[in-house]
Amino acid sequence: MREQRRALVGTVTSDKMDKTVVVTIERVTRHPLYGKVLRRNKKYKAHDAENHCQVGDVVRIRECSPISKDKKFFVEEILQRAVLVDEANV
């Protein structure tokens, strides 16, 4: 049953909540009539128990039973860390 849960890869766009991150998933589709390539974004709230994620991280989230009203995913792993830029030295 665990293998049938949806897994999505996206970018963390917000980490301001405690134990929760907002992950933006981008998908590319074609318009059914005109064929133009369209980029569509959707935001998911995901459970991050240890608050390890930062804005800009690429993460894999996996579906789970509802944790709260909006949280139905959890962070499975961090695939790529965000590059931190020190503003004082720039």
N, C-alpha and C. Protein backbone atom coordinates (compact mmCIF):
# COMPACT_ATOMS: atom_id res chain seq x y z
N MET A 1 0.83 -1.20 0.00
CA MET A 1 0.00 0.00 0.00
C MET A 1 0.87 1.26 0.00
N ARG A 2 2.00 1.22 0.71
CA ARG A 2 2.84 2.40 0.79
C ARG A 2 3.40 2.80 -0.57
N GLU A 3 3.64 1.85 -1.47
CA GLU A 3 4.20 2.16 -2.77
C GLU A 3 3.20 2.87 -3.67
N GLN A 4 1.91 2.79 -3.36
CA GLN A 4 0.89 3.41 -4.20
C GLN A 4 0.65 4.87 -3.86
N ARG A 5 1.28 5.36 -2.81
CA ARG A 5 1.11 6.76 -2.45
C ARG A 5 1.84 7.65 -3.44
N ARG A 6 1.20 8.77 -3.80
CA ARG A 6 1.81 9.70 -4.75
C ARG A 6 3.09 10.29 -4.19
N ALA A 7 4.09 10.40 -5.03
CA ALA A 7 5.33 11.08 -4.68
C ALA A 7 5.53 12.20 -5.68
N LEU A 8 5.79 13.41 -5.18
CA LEU A 8 5.98 14.58 -6.02
C LEU A 8 7.31 15.24 -5.69
N VAL A 9 7.93 15.86 -6.67
CA VAL A 9 9.18 16.57 -6.47
C VAL A 9 8.93 18.04 -6.74
N GLY A 10 9.35 18.89 -5.79
CA GLY A 10 9.13 20.32 -5.94
C GLY A 10 10.11 21.14 -5.12
N THR A 11 9.88 22.44 -5.13
CA THR A 11 10.76 23.39 -4.46
C THR A 11 10.05 23.99 -3.25
N VAL A 12 10.77 24.10 -2.14
CA VAL A 12 10.21 24.71 -0.94
C VAL A 12 10.12 26.23 -1.17
N THR A 13 8.92 26.78 -1.01
CA THR A 13 8.73 28.21 -1.20
C THR A 13 8.50 28.95 0.11
N SER A 14 8.15 28.23 1.19
CA SER A 14 7.95 28.87 2.48
C SER A 14 8.25 27.88 3.59
N ASP A 15 8.96 28.37 4.62
CA ASP A 15 9.24 27.53 5.79
C ASP A 15 8.93 28.29 7.07
N LYS A 16 8.00 29.24 7.01
CA LYS A 16 7.72 30.11 8.15
C LYS A 16 6.88 29.44 9.23
N MET A 17 6.18 28.36 8.88
CA MET A 17 5.35 27.67 9.87
C MET A 17 6.19 26.63 10.61
N ASP A 18 5.73 26.27 11.80
CA ASP A 18 6.43 25.26 12.59
C ASP A 18 6.05 23.88 12.09
N LYS A 19 7.05 23.07 11.73
CA LYS A 19 6.89 21.70 11.26
C LYS A 19 6.09 21.60 9.97
N THR A 20 6.01 22.68 9.20
CA THR A 20 5.28 22.69 7.93
C THR A 20 6.05 23.50 6.91
N VAL A 21 6.11 23.00 5.69
CA VAL A 21 6.69 23.75 4.58
C VAL A 21 5.68 23.78 3.44
N VAL A 22 5.78 24.83 2.62
CA VAL A 22 4.96 24.92 1.42
C VAL A 22 5.85 24.55 0.25
N VAL A 23 5.41 23.56 -0.52
CA VAL A 23 6.19 23.06 -1.65
C VAL A 23 5.42 23.37 -2.93
N THR A 24 6.11 24.00 -3.90
CA THR A 24 5.50 24.32 -5.18
C THR A 24 5.93 23.26 -6.19
N ILE A 25 4.93 22.65 -6.82
CA ILE A 25 5.16 21.65 -7.84
C ILE A 25 4.84 22.28 -9.19
N GLU A 26 5.79 22.21 -10.12
CA GLU A 26 5.57 22.76 -11.45
C GLU A 26 5.41 21.62 -12.44
N ARG A 27 4.36 21.69 -13.25
CA ARG A 27 4.16 20.69 -14.29
C ARG A 27 4.01 21.40 -15.62
N VAL A 28 4.41 20.75 -16.67
CA VAL A 28 4.36 21.30 -18.02
C VAL A 28 3.35 20.50 -18.82
N THR A 29 2.36 21.19 -19.39
CA THR A 29 1.34 20.54 -20.20
C THR A 29 1.19 21.28 -21.52
N ARG A 30 0.49 20.68 -22.44
CA ARG A 30 0.19 21.33 -23.70
C ARG A 30 -1.29 21.70 -23.73
N HIS A 31 -1.58 22.83 -24.32
CA HIS A 31 -2.97 23.25 -24.49
C HIS A 31 -3.65 22.26 -25.43
N PRO A 32 -4.86 21.80 -25.07
CA PRO A 32 -5.49 20.74 -25.87
C PRO A 32 -5.80 21.15 -27.32
N LEU A 33 -6.09 22.42 -27.57
CA LEU A 33 -6.47 22.85 -28.91
C LEU A 33 -5.30 23.49 -29.65
N TYR A 34 -4.59 24.39 -28.98
CA TYR A 34 -3.58 25.18 -29.67
C TYR A 34 -2.17 24.59 -29.57
N GLY A 35 -1.94 23.69 -28.64
CA GLY A 35 -0.66 23.02 -28.56
C GLY A 35 0.43 23.81 -27.87
N LYS A 36 0.11 25.00 -27.35
CA LYS A 36 1.12 25.81 -26.67
C LYS A 36 1.53 25.13 -25.36
N VAL A 37 2.82 25.21 -25.04
CA VAL A 37 3.34 24.63 -23.81
C VAL A 37 2.99 25.56 -22.65
N LEU A 38 2.33 25.02 -21.64
CA LEU A 38 1.89 25.81 -20.49
C LEU A 38 2.57 25.28 -19.24
N ARG A 39 2.99 26.21 -18.38
CA ARG A 39 3.56 25.84 -17.09
C ARG A 39 2.49 26.09 -16.03
N ARG A 40 2.21 25.07 -15.26
CA ARG A 40 1.21 25.17 -14.20
C ARG A 40 1.87 24.89 -12.86
N ASN A 41 1.54 25.69 -11.86
CA ASN A 41 2.10 25.54 -10.52
C ASN A 41 0.99 25.20 -9.54
N LYS A 42 1.31 24.37 -8.56
CA LYS A 42 0.39 24.07 -7.48
C LYS A 42 1.18 23.99 -6.19
N LYS A 43 0.61 24.52 -5.13
CA LYS A 43 1.28 24.54 -3.83
C LYS A 43 0.67 23.50 -2.91
N TYR A 44 1.53 22.76 -2.22
CA TYR A 44 1.12 21.77 -1.24
C TYR A 44 1.79 22.08 0.08
N LYS A 45 1.06 21.89 1.17
CA LYS A 45 1.66 21.97 2.50
C LYS A 45 2.11 20.58 2.88
N ALA A 46 3.35 20.49 3.38
CA ALA A 46 3.92 19.20 3.74
C ALA A 46 4.49 19.25 5.15
N HIS A 47 4.41 18.11 5.84
CA HIS A 47 4.90 17.99 7.21
C HIS A 47 6.41 17.81 7.21
N ASP A 48 7.11 18.67 7.95
CA ASP A 48 8.56 18.59 8.10
C ASP A 48 8.85 18.54 9.61
N ALA A 49 8.91 17.34 10.16
CA ALA A 49 8.93 17.16 11.60
C ALA A 49 10.12 17.83 12.29
N GLU A 50 11.31 17.79 11.68
CA GLU A 50 12.51 18.34 12.31
C GLU A 50 12.85 19.75 11.84
N ASN A 51 12.02 20.35 11.03
CA ASN A 51 12.26 21.70 10.47
C ASN A 51 13.61 21.78 9.77
N HIS A 52 13.95 20.76 8.97
CA HIS A 52 15.23 20.74 8.25
C HIS A 52 15.18 21.53 6.95
N CYS A 53 14.02 21.66 6.35
CA CYS A 53 13.91 22.29 5.03
C CYS A 53 14.06 23.80 5.11
N GLN A 54 14.67 24.36 4.06
CA GLN A 54 14.81 25.80 3.91
C GLN A 54 14.23 26.21 2.57
N VAL A 55 13.97 27.50 2.41
CA VAL A 55 13.43 28.01 1.16
C VAL A 55 14.46 27.75 0.06
N GLY A 56 13.98 27.19 -1.05
CA GLY A 56 14.85 26.90 -2.18
C GLY A 56 15.29 25.45 -2.29
N ASP A 57 15.08 24.66 -1.24
CA ASP A 57 15.44 23.25 -1.29
C ASP A 57 14.54 22.50 -2.27
N VAL A 58 15.11 21.54 -2.98
CA VAL A 58 14.33 20.64 -3.82
C VAL A 58 14.05 19.40 -2.99
N VAL A 59 12.77 19.07 -2.81
CA VAL A 59 12.39 17.97 -1.92
C VAL A 59 11.43 17.02 -2.63
N ARG A 60 11.38 15.79 -2.10
CA ARG A 60 10.37 14.83 -2.53
C ARG A 60 9.35 14.72 -1.41
N ILE A 61 8.07 14.93 -1.75
CA ILE A 61 7.01 14.79 -0.76
C ILE A 61 6.17 13.58 -1.13
N ARG A 62 5.63 12.93 -0.12
CA ARG A 62 4.82 11.74 -0.34
C ARG A 62 3.48 11.90 0.37
N GLU A 63 2.46 11.38 -0.25
CA GLU A 63 1.10 11.46 0.27
C GLU A 63 0.96 10.62 1.53
N CYS A 64 0.12 11.08 2.46
CA CYS A 64 -0.14 10.33 3.68
C CYS A 64 -1.56 10.63 4.14
N SER A 65 -1.94 10.03 5.24
CA SER A 65 -3.27 10.34 5.78
C SER A 65 -3.26 11.79 6.30
N PRO A 66 -4.40 12.46 6.31
CA PRO A 66 -4.43 13.87 6.67
C PRO A 66 -3.85 14.14 8.06
N ILE A 67 -2.92 15.10 8.12
CA ILE A 67 -2.32 15.51 9.38
C ILE A 67 -3.09 16.69 9.96
N SER A 68 -3.58 17.55 9.09
CA SER A 68 -4.42 18.69 9.48
C SER A 68 -5.35 19.00 8.32
N LYS A 69 -6.01 20.13 8.38
CA LYS A 69 -6.98 20.50 7.34
C LYS A 69 -6.33 20.55 5.95
N ASP A 70 -5.14 21.13 5.86
CA ASP A 70 -4.49 21.31 4.57
C ASP A 70 -3.30 20.37 4.33
N LYS A 71 -2.74 19.77 5.39
CA LYS A 71 -1.55 18.94 5.24
C LYS A 71 -1.92 17.49 4.99
N LYS A 72 -1.58 17.01 3.77
CA LYS A 72 -1.81 15.62 3.42
C LYS A 72 -0.56 15.00 2.81
N PHE A 73 0.59 15.67 2.97
CA PHE A 73 1.88 15.19 2.47
C PHE A 73 2.92 15.33 3.57
N PHE A 74 4.01 14.57 3.45
CA PHE A 74 5.14 14.74 4.34
C PHE A 74 6.41 14.76 3.50
N VAL A 75 7.45 15.41 4.02
CA VAL A 75 8.72 15.50 3.31
C VAL A 75 9.43 14.17 3.47
N GLU A 76 9.63 13.49 2.35
CA GLU A 76 10.29 12.19 2.38
C GLU A 76 11.81 12.36 2.42
N GLU A 77 12.34 13.23 1.56
CA GLU A 77 13.78 13.48 1.58
C GLU A 77 14.08 14.80 0.88
N ILE A 78 15.22 15.36 1.25
CA ILE A 78 15.70 16.59 0.61
C ILE A 78 16.67 16.15 -0.49
N LEU A 79 16.31 16.44 -1.74
CA LEU A 79 17.12 16.01 -2.87
C LEU A 79 18.29 16.93 -3.14
N GLN A 80 18.05 18.25 -2.95
CA GLN A 80 19.11 19.22 -3.22
C GLN A 80 18.93 20.40 -2.28
N ARG A 81 20.01 20.78 -1.64
CA ARG A 81 19.98 21.92 -0.73
C ARG A 81 20.03 23.23 -1.50
N ALA A 82 19.41 24.27 -0.96
CA ALA A 82 19.46 25.59 -1.56
C ALA A 82 20.83 26.21 -1.34
N VAL A 83 21.25 27.00 -2.28
CA VAL A 83 22.52 27.70 -2.15
C VAL A 83 22.26 28.97 -1.36
N LEU A 84 22.91 29.10 -0.21
CA LEU A 84 22.73 30.26 0.63
C LEU A 84 23.69 31.36 0.22
N VAL A 85 23.15 32.56 0.01
CA VAL A 85 23.97 33.71 -0.37
C VAL A 85 24.02 34.65 0.82
N ASP A 86 25.22 34.98 1.27
CA ASP A 86 25.39 35.91 2.38
C ASP A 86 25.28 37.33 1.84
N GLU A 87 24.24 38.05 2.25
CA GLU A 87 23.98 39.39 1.72
C GLU A 87 25.01 40.41 2.19
N ALA A 88 25.67 40.15 3.30
CA ALA A 88 26.64 41.11 3.82
C ALA A 88 27.89 41.18 2.94
N ASN A 89 28.26 40.06 2.33
CA ASN A 89 29.46 40.01 1.51
C ASN A 89 29.22 40.29 0.04
N VAL A 90 27.96 40.39 -0.36
CA VAL A 90 27.64 40.61 -1.78
C VAL A 90 27.76 42.06 -2.16
